[in-house]
Amino acid sequence: PMCRRADNQADAAKHAVSCANETSQRVAHFLFLVGSWCLGGGLIGLGVLCLVHPHFAADTYGLPLHASCATPTRTDEGWVIVTGL
């Protein structure tokens, strides 16, 4: 329910507290949703990066791969691709 105007002072005090609680709950819920979307988007982006450009993703992790990107076997980048999945 939305916060409504109270008819007397006692009700006004109760409504002020409930409105403040409701507002803080809405702000907390909004921040939770924004954080969840940011985390989800970042993880999806990181997964795609690991699948599409595993050598760049490994360098970004701080664990560069030893094989060159031109090698056809790509044995060294398996852990990056699995991480992306």
Protein backbone atom coordinates (compact mmCIF):
# COMPACT_ATOMS: atom_id res chain seq x y z
CA PRO A 1 0.00 0.00 0.00
CA MET A 2 1.07 3.53 -0.68
CA CYS A 3 1.75 5.97 2.15
CA ARG A 4 -1.34 8.02 2.87
CA ARG A 5 -1.98 11.17 4.81
CA ALA A 6 -3.07 10.52 8.39
CA ASP A 7 -6.11 12.13 10.03
CA ASN A 8 -4.56 12.87 13.44
CA GLN A 9 -1.10 13.31 14.96
CA ALA A 10 -0.83 9.83 16.48
CA ASP A 11 -1.64 8.23 13.16
CA ALA A 12 0.68 10.69 11.43
CA ALA A 13 3.62 9.51 13.53
CA LYS A 14 2.85 5.86 12.80
CA HIS A 15 2.46 6.57 9.10
CA ALA A 16 5.71 8.53 8.99
CA VAL A 17 7.59 5.55 10.40
CA SER A 18 5.86 3.08 8.10
CA CYS A 19 6.46 5.34 5.08
CA ALA A 20 10.15 5.64 5.96
CA ASN A 21 10.40 1.86 6.30
CA GLU A 22 8.56 1.33 3.04
CA THR A 23 10.80 3.80 1.25
CA SER A 24 13.99 2.23 2.57
CA GLN A 25 12.71 -1.22 1.60
CA ARG A 26 11.96 -0.02 -1.92
CA VAL A 27 15.42 1.55 -2.25
CA ALA A 28 17.08 -1.62 -0.94
CA HIS A 29 15.08 -3.76 -3.36
CA PHE A 30 15.95 -1.46 -6.28
CA LEU A 31 19.66 -1.59 -5.41
CA PHE A 32 19.46 -5.37 -5.13
CA LEU A 33 17.93 -5.58 -8.61
CA VAL A 34 20.52 -3.23 -10.12
CA GLY A 35 23.34 -5.19 -8.49
CA SER A 36 21.93 -8.48 -9.71
CA TRP A 37 21.65 -7.22 -13.27
CA CYS A 38 25.20 -5.84 -13.17
CA LEU A 39 26.59 -9.09 -11.80
CA GLY A 40 24.66 -11.19 -14.31
CA GLY A 41 25.66 -9.01 -17.25
CA GLY A 42 29.28 -9.03 -16.19
CA LEU A 43 29.38 -12.80 -15.81
CA ILE A 44 27.71 -13.34 -19.19
CA GLY A 45 30.16 -10.91 -20.80
CA LEU A 46 33.09 -12.66 -19.16
CA GLY A 47 31.82 -16.05 -20.30
CA VAL A 48 31.45 -14.88 -23.88
CA LEU A 49 34.91 -13.33 -23.77
CA CYS A 50 36.37 -16.62 -22.53
CA LEU A 51 34.75 -18.51 -25.38
CA VAL A 52 35.50 -16.02 -28.16
CA HIS A 53 38.95 -14.70 -27.16
CA PRO A 54 40.44 -17.11 -24.61
CA HIS A 55 43.97 -15.68 -24.83
CA PHE A 56 42.78 -12.15 -24.09
CA ALA A 57 40.56 -13.45 -21.27
CA ALA A 58 43.49 -15.35 -19.76
CA ASP A 59 45.64 -12.23 -19.89
CA THR A 60 42.80 -10.32 -18.24
CA TYR A 61 42.69 -12.93 -15.46
CA GLY A 62 46.43 -12.35 -14.98
CA LEU A 63 47.33 -15.86 -16.10
CA PRO A 64 48.66 -15.57 -19.65
CA LEU A 65 48.72 -18.66 -21.82
CA HIS A 66 52.01 -20.06 -23.11
CA ALA A 67 50.85 -21.20 -26.55
CA SER A 68 50.40 -18.64 -29.28
CA CYS A 69 46.94 -17.88 -30.57
CA ALA A 70 47.94 -19.13 -34.01
CA THR A 71 48.51 -22.71 -32.90
CA PRO A 72 45.76 -25.00 -34.20
CA THR A 73 45.78 -27.37 -31.21
CA ARG A 74 44.75 -24.80 -28.61
CA THR A 75 45.59 -27.22 -25.80
CA ASP A 76 46.74 -24.47 -23.48
CA GLU A 77 43.48 -22.55 -23.45
CA GLY A 78 41.13 -25.33 -22.36
CA TRP A 79 40.79 -24.04 -18.80
CA VAL A 80 39.77 -20.61 -20.11
CA ILE A 81 37.09 -22.05 -22.37
CA VAL A 82 35.75 -24.24 -19.55
CA THR A 83 35.68 -21.20 -17.28
CA GLY A 84 33.63 -19.39 -19.91
CA LEU A 85 31.06 -22.17 -19.94
